[in-house]
Amino acid sequence: RSTPTDHAARFELRGLPAFDLTFEAEKRGYVSPADGPLTAELEEGSRVENLRFVLEPASPIRGFVRDESGAPIAGARVLADWTVGRLEPIARRASAFSDDQGRYQIDDVPPRRTCSLIASCATFEGRMLTEVVPGSAEKNFTLRRLPILRLRLADAATRARVKARRLAIDVMGGFGCSPAHSSQVGSDFLIE
């Protein structure tokens, strides 16, 4: 369950079941400096009072995503990963997409917390940066364009070109076709 705070930053939750509960506070642009959520044991008919949350302003991570020629890449996803908690680490993440100028900004990252950044975009090879500290200098990515695979679908018997609405290729499985090789797709078609 969730509830907003009032004008004095107070909150109240009613009708909670009796067992161990986990509490977290959230506000856009702020993060909890605590190492994970607060927990409390709630027994039948009891109350938990004076739970106190401290939030601090988040430190943004920003930069640019460009291709090898320096041109901006729009729509690239940049993902930040970090952990909180010492005894039982909890993975956290936030992400943003680059705009038309290739600029991205991830807002909800805790200050002084080392994280990893991954930039990815269709038709480009992803890149990772490690040991990134939020709020420090811009973190820029240069992505390398992946090679384009061009295929021709042909009728296996006549070798005449065939137009297909959809063709599924298992790239991860090493389907590997080249103009010098041909591979069977089903019993009726050939990829050359």
N, C-alpha and C. Protein backbone atom coordinates (compact mmCIF):
# COMPACT_ATOMS: atom_id res chain seq x y z
N ARG A 1 0.83 -1.18 0.00
CA ARG A 1 0.00 0.00 0.00
C ARG A 1 0.87 1.24 0.00
N SER A 2 0.29 2.32 -0.40
CA SER A 2 1.03 3.57 -0.37
C SER A 2 0.09 4.69 0.07
N THR A 3 0.68 5.77 0.54
CA THR A 3 -0.09 6.94 0.96
C THR A 3 0.79 8.17 0.81
N PRO A 4 0.20 9.30 0.45
CA PRO A 4 0.99 10.54 0.39
C PRO A 4 1.15 11.13 1.79
N THR A 5 2.10 12.02 1.93
CA THR A 5 2.28 12.74 3.19
C THR A 5 1.40 13.98 3.18
N ASP A 6 1.12 14.51 4.37
CA ASP A 6 0.34 15.75 4.46
C ASP A 6 1.29 16.95 4.37
N HIS A 7 0.77 18.16 4.60
CA HIS A 7 1.58 19.38 4.49
C HIS A 7 2.74 19.42 5.49
N ALA A 8 2.63 18.67 6.57
CA ALA A 8 3.70 18.63 7.59
C ALA A 8 4.58 17.39 7.41
N ALA A 9 4.48 16.71 6.26
CA ALA A 9 5.26 15.52 5.93
C ALA A 9 4.93 14.32 6.81
N ARG A 10 3.72 14.30 7.38
CA ARG A 10 3.28 13.15 8.18
C ARG A 10 2.46 12.21 7.31
N PHE A 11 2.39 10.94 7.73
CA PHE A 11 1.58 9.97 6.99
C PHE A 11 1.00 8.97 7.98
N GLU A 12 -0.03 8.29 7.53
CA GLU A 12 -0.66 7.25 8.35
C GLU A 12 -1.20 6.17 7.43
N LEU A 13 -0.93 4.93 7.78
CA LEU A 13 -1.47 3.78 7.07
C LEU A 13 -2.33 2.99 8.05
N ARG A 14 -3.54 2.66 7.67
CA ARG A 14 -4.44 1.91 8.55
C ARG A 14 -4.78 0.55 7.92
N GLY A 15 -5.17 -0.38 8.77
CA GLY A 15 -5.64 -1.67 8.30
C GLY A 15 -4.55 -2.58 7.75
N LEU A 16 -3.34 -2.44 8.25
CA LEU A 16 -2.25 -3.30 7.78
C LEU A 16 -2.31 -4.64 8.48
N PRO A 17 -1.98 -5.73 7.79
CA PRO A 17 -1.99 -7.04 8.43
C PRO A 17 -0.83 -7.18 9.41
N ALA A 18 -0.97 -8.11 10.35
CA ALA A 18 0.06 -8.34 11.36
C ALA A 18 1.15 -9.26 10.81
N PHE A 19 2.33 -8.73 10.57
CA PHE A 19 3.54 -9.48 10.23
C PHE A 19 4.66 -8.48 10.00
N ASP A 20 5.81 -8.96 9.54
CA ASP A 20 6.93 -8.05 9.28
C ASP A 20 6.62 -7.20 8.05
N LEU A 21 6.79 -5.91 8.20
CA LEU A 21 6.48 -4.97 7.13
C LEU A 21 7.75 -4.24 6.68
N THR A 22 7.76 -3.85 5.44
CA THR A 22 8.86 -3.07 4.88
C THR A 22 8.30 -1.73 4.44
N PHE A 23 8.99 -0.65 4.80
CA PHE A 23 8.55 0.70 4.48
C PHE A 23 9.60 1.42 3.64
N GLU A 24 9.15 2.12 2.61
CA GLU A 24 10.04 2.94 1.80
C GLU A 24 9.36 4.27 1.51
N ALA A 25 10.16 5.32 1.40
CA ALA A 25 9.64 6.64 1.04
C ALA A 25 10.22 7.03 -0.31
N GLU A 26 9.39 7.65 -1.16
CA GLU A 26 9.83 8.04 -2.50
C GLU A 26 9.35 9.44 -2.81
N LYS A 27 10.18 10.19 -3.50
CA LYS A 27 9.80 11.48 -4.08
C LYS A 27 10.73 11.72 -5.25
N ARG A 28 10.16 12.08 -6.39
CA ARG A 28 10.96 12.31 -7.59
C ARG A 28 12.03 13.36 -7.31
N GLY A 29 13.26 13.04 -7.70
CA GLY A 29 14.36 13.96 -7.49
C GLY A 29 15.04 13.81 -6.14
N TYR A 30 14.54 12.87 -5.31
CA TYR A 30 15.12 12.61 -4.00
C TYR A 30 15.39 11.12 -3.85
N VAL A 31 16.34 10.78 -3.00
CA VAL A 31 16.65 9.38 -2.72
C VAL A 31 16.88 9.22 -1.23
N SER A 32 16.77 7.98 -0.79
CA SER A 32 17.02 7.66 0.61
C SER A 32 18.49 7.34 0.81
N PRO A 33 19.16 8.02 1.76
CA PRO A 33 20.56 7.68 2.02
C PRO A 33 20.70 6.38 2.82
N ALA A 34 19.58 5.85 3.32
CA ALA A 34 19.61 4.62 4.12
C ALA A 34 20.03 3.45 3.25
N ASP A 35 20.61 2.45 3.86
CA ASP A 35 21.01 1.24 3.14
C ASP A 35 19.85 0.29 3.06
N GLY A 36 18.87 0.64 2.28
CA GLY A 36 17.71 -0.22 2.09
C GLY A 36 16.50 0.30 2.82
N PRO A 37 15.35 -0.38 2.69
CA PRO A 37 14.11 0.07 3.31
C PRO A 37 14.10 -0.17 4.82
N LEU A 38 13.18 0.53 5.51
CA LEU A 38 12.99 0.31 6.95
C LEU A 38 12.05 -0.87 7.14
N THR A 39 12.28 -1.67 8.17
CA THR A 39 11.40 -2.81 8.47
C THR A 39 10.87 -2.67 9.89
N ALA A 40 9.69 -3.20 10.12
CA ALA A 40 9.08 -3.18 11.45
C ALA A 40 8.19 -4.40 11.58
N GLU A 41 8.11 -4.93 12.81
CA GLU A 41 7.23 -6.07 13.09
C GLU A 41 5.94 -5.53 13.66
N LEU A 42 4.82 -5.89 13.03
CA LEU A 42 3.52 -5.42 13.46
C LEU A 42 2.74 -6.61 13.99
N GLU A 43 2.40 -6.55 15.29
CA GLU A 43 1.60 -7.61 15.91
C GLU A 43 0.14 -7.21 15.89
N GLU A 44 -0.74 -8.21 16.04
CA GLU A 44 -2.18 -8.00 16.03
C GLU A 44 -2.57 -6.88 17.00
N GLY A 45 -3.26 -5.87 16.50
CA GLY A 45 -3.76 -4.78 17.33
C GLY A 45 -2.71 -3.76 17.74
N SER A 46 -1.47 -3.89 17.30
CA SER A 46 -0.44 -2.94 17.71
C SER A 46 -0.28 -1.82 16.70
N ARG A 47 0.54 -0.83 17.05
CA ARG A 47 0.82 0.32 16.18
C ARG A 47 2.32 0.49 16.03
N VAL A 48 2.70 0.96 14.92
CA VAL A 48 4.10 1.36 14.72
C VAL A 48 4.05 2.88 14.58
N GLU A 49 4.79 3.55 15.45
CA GLU A 49 4.77 5.01 15.44
C GLU A 49 6.17 5.57 15.22
N ASN A 50 6.19 6.79 14.77
CA ASN A 50 7.42 7.56 14.63
C ASN A 50 8.44 6.94 13.67
N LEU A 51 7.97 6.32 12.60
CA LEU A 51 8.90 5.93 11.55
C LEU A 51 9.38 7.22 10.90
N ARG A 52 10.66 7.36 10.77
CA ARG A 52 11.22 8.60 10.24
C ARG A 52 12.07 8.28 9.01
N PHE A 53 11.73 8.93 7.93
CA PHE A 53 12.48 8.77 6.69
C PHE A 53 13.25 10.05 6.41
N VAL A 54 14.44 9.89 5.93
CA VAL A 54 15.25 11.03 5.53
C VAL A 54 15.54 10.87 4.04
N LEU A 55 15.19 11.88 3.27
CA LEU A 55 15.47 11.87 1.84
C LEU A 55 16.43 13.01 1.54
N GLU A 56 17.32 12.77 0.60
CA GLU A 56 18.24 13.82 0.19
C GLU A 56 18.15 14.00 -1.32
N PRO A 57 18.50 15.18 -1.81
CA PRO A 57 18.42 15.39 -3.26
C PRO A 57 19.30 14.38 -4.01
N ALA A 58 18.75 13.87 -5.10
CA ALA A 58 19.49 12.92 -5.93
C ALA A 58 20.58 13.67 -6.70
N SER A 59 21.59 12.93 -7.13
CA SER A 59 22.65 13.49 -7.96
C SER A 59 22.46 12.96 -9.37
N PRO A 60 22.21 13.83 -10.31
CA PRO A 60 21.99 13.34 -11.68
C PRO A 60 23.27 12.84 -12.33
N ILE A 61 23.08 11.94 -13.26
CA ILE A 61 24.16 11.50 -14.16
C ILE A 61 23.72 11.95 -15.54
N ARG A 62 24.60 12.66 -16.22
CA ARG A 62 24.25 13.17 -17.54
C ARG A 62 25.42 13.05 -18.50
N GLY A 63 25.08 13.13 -19.77
CA GLY A 63 26.11 13.07 -20.79
C GLY A 63 25.49 12.96 -22.16
N PHE A 64 26.28 12.50 -23.12
CA PHE A 64 25.85 12.37 -24.51
C PHE A 64 26.11 10.95 -25.00
N VAL A 65 25.29 10.52 -25.95
CA VAL A 65 25.50 9.26 -26.66
C VAL A 65 25.68 9.62 -28.13
N ARG A 66 26.85 9.24 -28.67
CA ARG A 66 27.18 9.57 -30.07
C ARG A 66 27.70 8.33 -30.78
N ASP A 67 27.68 8.39 -32.11
CA ASP A 67 28.30 7.30 -32.88
C ASP A 67 29.77 7.64 -33.10
N GLU A 68 30.46 6.78 -33.81
CA GLU A 68 31.91 6.94 -34.01
C GLU A 68 32.29 8.20 -34.79
N SER A 69 31.35 8.74 -35.56
CA SER A 69 31.63 9.97 -36.31
C SER A 69 31.35 11.21 -35.47
N GLY A 70 30.79 11.03 -34.27
CA GLY A 70 30.45 12.15 -33.41
C GLY A 70 29.01 12.60 -33.54
N ALA A 71 28.24 11.97 -34.42
CA ALA A 71 26.83 12.32 -34.60
C ALA A 71 26.02 11.84 -33.40
N PRO A 72 25.03 12.63 -32.95
CA PRO A 72 24.22 12.21 -31.81
C PRO A 72 23.35 11.00 -32.15
N ILE A 73 23.12 10.16 -31.15
CA ILE A 73 22.22 9.01 -31.29
C ILE A 73 20.99 9.29 -30.45
N ALA A 74 19.85 9.48 -31.09
CA ALA A 74 18.59 9.71 -30.39
C ALA A 74 17.96 8.38 -30.01
N GLY A 75 17.32 8.31 -28.86
CA GLY A 75 16.60 7.11 -28.44
C GLY A 75 17.45 6.02 -27.83
N ALA A 76 18.71 6.32 -27.53
CA ALA A 76 19.56 5.33 -26.84
C ALA A 76 19.12 5.26 -25.38
N ARG A 77 19.11 4.07 -24.82
CA ARG A 77 18.77 3.91 -23.40
C ARG A 77 20.05 3.84 -22.59
N VAL A 78 20.12 4.65 -21.54
CA VAL A 78 21.25 4.62 -20.62
C VAL A 78 20.70 4.17 -19.27
N LEU A 79 21.25 3.09 -18.76
CA LEU A 79 20.78 2.46 -17.53
C LEU A 79 21.85 2.55 -16.45
N ALA A 80 21.46 3.01 -15.27
CA ALA A 80 22.37 3.08 -14.12
C ALA A 80 21.99 1.98 -13.14
N ASP A 81 22.97 1.20 -12.68
CA ASP A 81 22.77 0.13 -11.69
C ASP A 81 23.63 0.41 -10.48
N TRP A 82 23.09 0.23 -9.28
CA TRP A 82 23.86 0.34 -8.04
C TRP A 82 23.19 -0.54 -7.00
N THR A 83 23.84 -0.73 -5.88
CA THR A 83 23.25 -1.53 -4.80
C THR A 83 23.18 -0.71 -3.53
N VAL A 84 22.22 -1.04 -2.68
CA VAL A 84 22.09 -0.46 -1.34
C VAL A 84 22.04 -1.62 -0.36
N GLY A 85 22.43 -1.37 0.85
CA GLY A 85 22.40 -2.41 1.88
C GLY A 85 23.74 -3.07 2.04
N ARG A 86 24.11 -3.30 3.27
CA ARG A 86 25.39 -3.95 3.54
C ARG A 86 25.22 -5.45 3.79
N LEU A 87 24.25 -5.81 4.62
CA LEU A 87 24.06 -7.22 4.96
C LEU A 87 23.38 -7.98 3.83
N GLU A 88 22.32 -7.40 3.30
CA GLU A 88 21.60 -8.01 2.19
C GLU A 88 21.49 -6.98 1.07
N PRO A 89 22.47 -6.93 0.17
CA PRO A 89 22.45 -5.92 -0.88
C PRO A 89 21.19 -6.01 -1.75
N ILE A 90 20.65 -4.85 -2.06
CA ILE A 90 19.46 -4.75 -2.90
C ILE A 90 19.85 -3.99 -4.16
N ALA A 91 19.57 -4.56 -5.32
CA ALA A 91 19.89 -3.91 -6.60
C ALA A 91 18.87 -2.82 -6.88
N ARG A 92 19.37 -1.69 -7.32
CA ARG A 92 18.52 -0.57 -7.72
C ARG A 92 18.93 -0.13 -9.12
N ARG A 93 18.00 0.49 -9.85
CA ARG A 93 18.33 0.98 -11.18
C ARG A 93 17.41 2.12 -11.58
N ALA A 94 17.93 2.93 -12.47
CA ALA A 94 17.17 4.03 -13.06
C ALA A 94 17.69 4.18 -14.49
N SER A 95 16.86 4.72 -15.37
CA SER A 95 17.30 4.86 -16.76
C SER A 95 16.70 6.10 -17.40
N ALA A 96 17.26 6.44 -18.55
CA ALA A 96 16.77 7.56 -19.35
C ALA A 96 17.09 7.27 -20.81
N PHE A 97 16.39 7.96 -21.71
CA PHE A 97 16.65 7.85 -23.14
C PHE A 97 17.27 9.14 -23.64
N SER A 98 18.17 9.03 -24.60
CA SER A 98 18.81 10.22 -25.17
C SER A 98 17.83 10.95 -26.09
N ASP A 99 17.97 12.28 -26.13
CA ASP A 99 17.10 13.10 -26.98
C ASP A 99 17.72 13.25 -28.38
N ASP A 100 17.17 14.15 -29.18
CA ASP A 100 17.64 14.34 -30.56
C ASP A 100 19.09 14.80 -30.65
N GLN A 101 19.60 15.44 -29.59
CA GLN A 101 20.99 15.87 -29.56
C GLN A 101 21.90 14.81 -28.93
N GLY A 102 21.33 13.66 -28.58
CA GLY A 102 22.10 12.59 -27.96
C GLY A 102 22.28 12.77 -26.46
N ARG A 103 21.69 13.82 -25.87
CA ARG A 103 21.84 14.10 -24.44
C ARG A 103 20.88 13.23 -23.62
N TYR A 104 21.40 12.70 -22.50
CA TYR A 104 20.58 11.95 -21.56
C TYR A 104 20.83 12.51 -20.15
N GLN A 105 19.87 12.29 -19.27
CA GLN A 105 20.04 12.64 -17.86
C GLN A 105 19.22 11.67 -17.02
N ILE A 106 19.89 11.02 -16.07
CA ILE A 106 19.23 10.11 -15.13
C ILE A 106 19.18 10.85 -13.79
N ASP A 107 17.98 11.11 -13.28
CA ASP A 107 17.83 11.98 -12.12
C ASP A 107 17.88 11.28 -10.77
N ASP A 108 17.31 10.11 -10.64
CA ASP A 108 17.10 9.50 -9.33
C ASP A 108 18.23 8.58 -8.89
N VAL A 109 19.45 9.10 -8.83
CA VAL A 109 20.61 8.32 -8.42
C VAL A 109 21.15 8.90 -7.12
N PRO A 110 21.43 8.05 -6.13
CA PRO A 110 21.94 8.57 -4.86
C PRO A 110 23.34 9.18 -5.00
N PRO A 111 23.59 10.29 -4.30
CA PRO A 111 24.93 10.87 -4.34
C PRO A 111 25.92 9.96 -3.63
N ARG A 112 27.17 10.07 -4.02
CA ARG A 112 28.25 9.32 -3.36
C ARG A 112 28.10 7.80 -3.49
N ARG A 113 27.28 7.32 -4.39
CA ARG A 113 27.08 5.89 -4.56
C ARG A 113 27.65 5.49 -5.91
N THR A 114 28.65 4.63 -5.91
CA THR A 114 29.25 4.20 -7.17
C THR A 114 28.28 3.31 -7.94
N CYS A 115 28.18 3.55 -9.24
CA CYS A 115 27.27 2.73 -10.05
C CYS A 115 27.91 2.40 -11.39
N SER A 116 27.21 1.53 -12.13
CA SER A 116 27.61 1.17 -13.48
C SER A 116 26.60 1.77 -14.44
N LEU A 117 27.08 2.18 -15.61
CA LEU A 117 26.20 2.71 -16.65
C LEU A 117 26.31 1.84 -17.89
N ILE A 118 25.18 1.59 -18.53
CA ILE A 118 25.15 0.83 -19.77
C ILE A 118 24.35 1.64 -20.78
N ALA A 119 24.94 1.89 -21.94
CA ALA A 119 24.22 2.57 -23.03
C ALA A 119 23.97 1.56 -24.14
N SER A 120 22.74 1.55 -24.65
CA SER A 120 22.40 0.62 -25.72
C SER A 120 21.39 1.25 -26.66
N CYS A 121 21.43 0.82 -27.90
CA CYS A 121 20.50 1.31 -28.91
C CYS A 121 20.49 0.28 -30.04
N ALA A 122 19.33 0.08 -30.64
CA ALA A 122 19.23 -0.85 -31.76
C ALA A 122 20.21 -0.47 -32.84
N THR A 123 20.82 -1.41 -33.46
CA THR A 123 21.81 -1.30 -34.53
C THR A 123 23.16 -0.79 -34.06
N PHE A 124 23.36 -0.66 -32.73
CA PHE A 124 24.65 -0.24 -32.19
C PHE A 124 25.11 -1.24 -31.14
N GLU A 125 26.41 -1.37 -31.00
CA GLU A 125 26.99 -2.21 -29.96
C GLU A 125 26.92 -1.45 -28.63
N GLY A 126 26.38 -2.10 -27.58
CA GLY A 126 26.27 -1.46 -26.27
C GLY A 126 27.62 -1.22 -25.62
N ARG A 127 27.67 -0.26 -24.70
CA ARG A 127 28.90 0.07 -23.98
C ARG A 127 28.59 0.18 -22.50
N MET A 128 29.57 -0.16 -21.66
CA MET A 128 29.41 -0.08 -20.21
C MET A 128 30.52 0.78 -19.61
N LEU A 129 30.15 1.60 -18.64
CA LEU A 129 31.11 2.34 -17.83
C LEU A 129 30.93 1.90 -16.39
N THR A 130 32.01 1.62 -15.67
CA THR A 130 31.92 1.21 -14.28
C THR A 130 32.56 2.27 -13.39
N GLU A 131 32.32 2.15 -12.10
CA GLU A 131 32.89 3.06 -11.10
C GLU A 131 32.50 4.51 -11.38
N VAL A 132 31.24 4.73 -11.75
CA VAL A 132 30.74 6.07 -12.01
C VAL A 132 30.18 6.65 -10.72
N VAL A 133 30.56 7.88 -10.39
CA VAL A 133 30.04 8.56 -9.20
C VAL A 133 29.09 9.65 -9.68
N PRO A 134 27.81 9.59 -9.27
CA PRO A 134 26.84 10.60 -9.70
C PRO A 134 27.29 12.01 -9.32
N GLY A 135 26.89 12.97 -10.15
CA GLY A 135 27.21 14.36 -9.89
C GLY A 135 28.59 14.78 -10.36
N SER A 136 29.41 13.82 -10.79
CA SER A 136 30.75 14.17 -11.29
C SER A 136 30.64 14.62 -12.74
N ALA A 137 31.72 14.65 -13.46
CA ALA A 137 31.74 15.12 -14.85
C ALA A 137 30.77 14.32 -15.72
N GLU A 138 30.43 14.88 -16.89
CA GLU A 138 29.55 14.19 -17.83
C GLU A 138 30.12 12.82 -18.19
N LYS A 139 29.24 11.87 -18.36
CA LYS A 139 29.61 10.52 -18.77
C LYS A 139 29.11 10.31 -20.20
N ASN A 140 30.03 10.38 -21.15
CA ASN A 140 29.68 10.29 -22.56
C ASN A 140 29.98 8.90 -23.10
N PHE A 141 29.17 8.49 -24.07
CA PHE A 141 29.31 7.20 -24.71
C PHE A 141 29.53 7.39 -26.20
N THR A 142 30.40 6.57 -26.76
CA THR A 142 30.55 6.47 -28.21
C THR A 142 30.22 5.03 -28.57
N LEU A 143 29.14 4.86 -29.34
CA LEU A 143 28.68 3.53 -29.73
C LEU A 143 29.09 3.23 -31.17
N ARG A 144 29.47 1.98 -31.39
CA ARG A 144 29.89 1.52 -32.71
C ARG A 144 28.70 0.86 -33.40
N ARG A 145 28.45 1.28 -34.64
CA ARG A 145 27.34 0.70 -35.41
C ARG A 145 27.63 -0.76 -35.71
N LEU A 146 26.62 -1.61 -35.55
CA LEU A 146 26.75 -3.03 -35.86
C LEU A 146 26.64 -3.24 -37.37
N PRO A 147 27.28 -4.28 -37.88
CA PRO A 147 27.16 -4.55 -39.32
C PRO A 147 25.72 -4.93 -39.68
N ILE A 148 25.35 -4.60 -40.90
CA ILE A 148 23.99 -4.90 -41.37
C ILE A 148 24.03 -6.20 -42.16
N LEU A 149 23.12 -7.10 -41.85
CA LEU A 149 23.01 -8.38 -42.53
C LEU A 149 21.94 -8.26 -43.62
N ARG A 150 22.33 -8.46 -44.87
CA ARG A 150 21.38 -8.38 -45.98
C ARG A 150 21.18 -9.79 -46.53
N LEU A 151 19.93 -10.19 -46.63
CA LEU A 151 19.59 -11.53 -47.09
C LEU A 151 18.61 -11.46 -48.26
N ARG A 152 18.56 -12.55 -49.02
CA ARG A 152 17.57 -12.68 -50.08
C ARG A 152 16.82 -13.98 -49.83
N LEU A 153 15.51 -13.89 -49.74
CA LEU A 153 14.67 -15.06 -49.52
C LEU A 153 14.22 -15.58 -50.88
N ALA A 154 14.45 -16.88 -51.12
CA ALA A 154 14.12 -17.47 -52.42
C ALA A 154 13.36 -18.77 -52.24
N ASP A 155 12.56 -19.11 -53.23
CA ASP A 155 11.87 -20.39 -53.28
C ASP A 155 12.93 -21.48 -53.44
N ALA A 156 12.90 -22.52 -52.64
CA ALA A 156 13.93 -23.56 -52.65
C ALA A 156 13.98 -24.31 -53.98
N ALA A 157 12.85 -24.49 -54.62
CA ALA A 157 12.82 -25.26 -55.86
C ALA A 157 13.24 -24.41 -57.07
N THR A 158 12.70 -23.20 -57.18
CA THR A 158 12.94 -22.39 -58.38
C THR A 158 13.99 -21.32 -58.19
N ARG A 159 14.37 -21.06 -56.96
CA ARG A 159 15.31 -19.98 -56.60
C ARG A 159 14.79 -18.59 -56.98
N ALA A 160 13.47 -18.49 -57.19
CA ALA A 160 12.85 -17.19 -57.48
C ALA A 160 12.70 -16.41 -56.16
N ARG A 161 12.85 -15.10 -56.25
CA ARG A 161 12.69 -14.26 -55.06
C ARG A 161 11.30 -14.40 -54.48
N VAL A 162 11.22 -14.37 -53.15
CA VAL A 162 9.95 -14.48 -52.46
C VAL A 162 9.85 -13.31 -51.50
N LYS A 163 8.70 -12.61 -51.52
CA LYS A 163 8.46 -11.55 -50.55
C LYS A 163 7.84 -12.20 -49.32
N ALA A 164 8.34 -11.83 -48.16
CA ALA A 164 7.80 -12.39 -46.92
C ALA A 164 7.30 -11.27 -46.03
N ARG A 165 6.21 -11.51 -45.36
CA ARG A 165 5.72 -10.52 -44.39
C ARG A 165 6.59 -10.53 -43.15
N ARG A 166 7.06 -11.69 -42.77
CA ARG A 166 7.83 -11.81 -41.54
C ARG A 166 8.83 -12.95 -41.69
N LEU A 167 10.05 -12.71 -41.24
CA LEU A 167 11.08 -13.74 -41.28
C LEU A 167 11.82 -13.68 -39.95
N ALA A 168 11.82 -14.76 -39.22
CA ALA A 168 12.51 -14.81 -37.93
C ALA A 168 13.86 -15.48 -38.11
N ILE A 169 14.90 -14.83 -37.61
CA ILE A 169 16.25 -15.38 -37.69
C ILE A 169 16.84 -15.38 -36.29
N ASP A 170 17.37 -16.50 -35.88
CA ASP A 170 17.99 -16.64 -34.56
C ASP A 170 19.44 -16.19 -34.67
N VAL A 171 19.70 -14.89 -34.46
CA VAL A 171 21.05 -14.35 -34.58
C VAL A 171 21.94 -14.88 -33.47
N MET A 172 21.42 -14.98 -32.26
CA MET A 172 22.22 -15.46 -31.13
C MET A 172 22.63 -16.91 -31.31
N GLY A 173 21.86 -17.66 -32.08
CA GLY A 173 22.18 -19.06 -32.29
C GLY A 173 23.24 -19.28 -33.36
N GLY A 174 23.77 -18.22 -33.91
CA GLY A 174 24.84 -18.36 -34.89
C GLY A 174 24.33 -18.78 -36.25
N PHE A 175 23.22 -18.21 -36.71
CA PHE A 175 22.61 -18.59 -37.98
C PHE A 175 23.54 -18.32 -39.15
N GLY A 176 24.40 -17.36 -39.04
CA GLY A 176 25.48 -17.01 -39.95
C GLY A 176 25.33 -17.32 -41.41
N CYS A 177 24.64 -16.51 -42.17
CA CYS A 177 24.56 -16.67 -43.63
C CYS A 177 25.45 -15.63 -44.29
N SER A 178 25.98 -15.95 -45.41
CA SER A 178 26.73 -14.98 -46.20
C SER A 178 26.38 -15.24 -47.66
N PRO A 179 26.68 -14.29 -48.56
CA PRO A 179 26.34 -14.51 -49.98
C PRO A 179 26.94 -15.79 -50.54
N ALA A 180 28.04 -16.26 -49.98
CA ALA A 180 28.69 -17.46 -50.50
C ALA A 180 28.02 -18.74 -50.01
N HIS A 181 27.15 -18.63 -49.02
CA HIS A 181 26.49 -19.80 -48.44
C HIS A 181 24.99 -19.69 -48.58
N SER A 182 24.31 -20.80 -48.61
CA SER A 182 22.85 -20.77 -48.57
C SER A 182 22.40 -21.71 -47.46
N SER A 183 21.28 -21.37 -46.82
CA SER A 183 20.77 -22.15 -45.70
C SER A 183 19.28 -22.39 -45.90
N GLN A 184 18.84 -23.54 -45.49
CA GLN A 184 17.44 -23.91 -45.62
C GLN A 184 16.62 -23.28 -44.50
N VAL A 185 15.47 -22.70 -44.82
CA VAL A 185 14.52 -22.15 -43.85
C VAL A 185 13.23 -22.89 -44.11
N GLY A 186 12.90 -23.84 -43.24
CA GLY A 186 11.74 -24.67 -43.48
C GLY A 186 12.01 -25.57 -44.68
N SER A 187 10.98 -26.06 -45.35
CA SER A 187 11.19 -26.94 -46.50
C SER A 187 10.91 -26.25 -47.83
N ASP A 188 10.38 -25.03 -47.78
CA ASP A 188 9.96 -24.37 -49.02
C ASP A 188 10.80 -23.16 -49.40
N PHE A 189 11.64 -22.67 -48.51
CA PHE A 189 12.37 -21.43 -48.78
C PHE A 189 13.86 -21.59 -48.53
N LEU A 190 14.61 -20.73 -49.16
CA LEU A 190 16.06 -20.76 -49.08
C LEU A 190 16.55 -19.34 -48.83
N ILE A 191 17.52 -19.16 -47.94
CA ILE A 191 18.14 -17.86 -47.77
C ILE A 191 19.50 -17.93 -48.43
N GLU A 192 19.75 -17.00 -49.34
CA GLU A 192 21.05 -17.00 -50.06
C GLU A 192 21.84 -15.77 -49.69
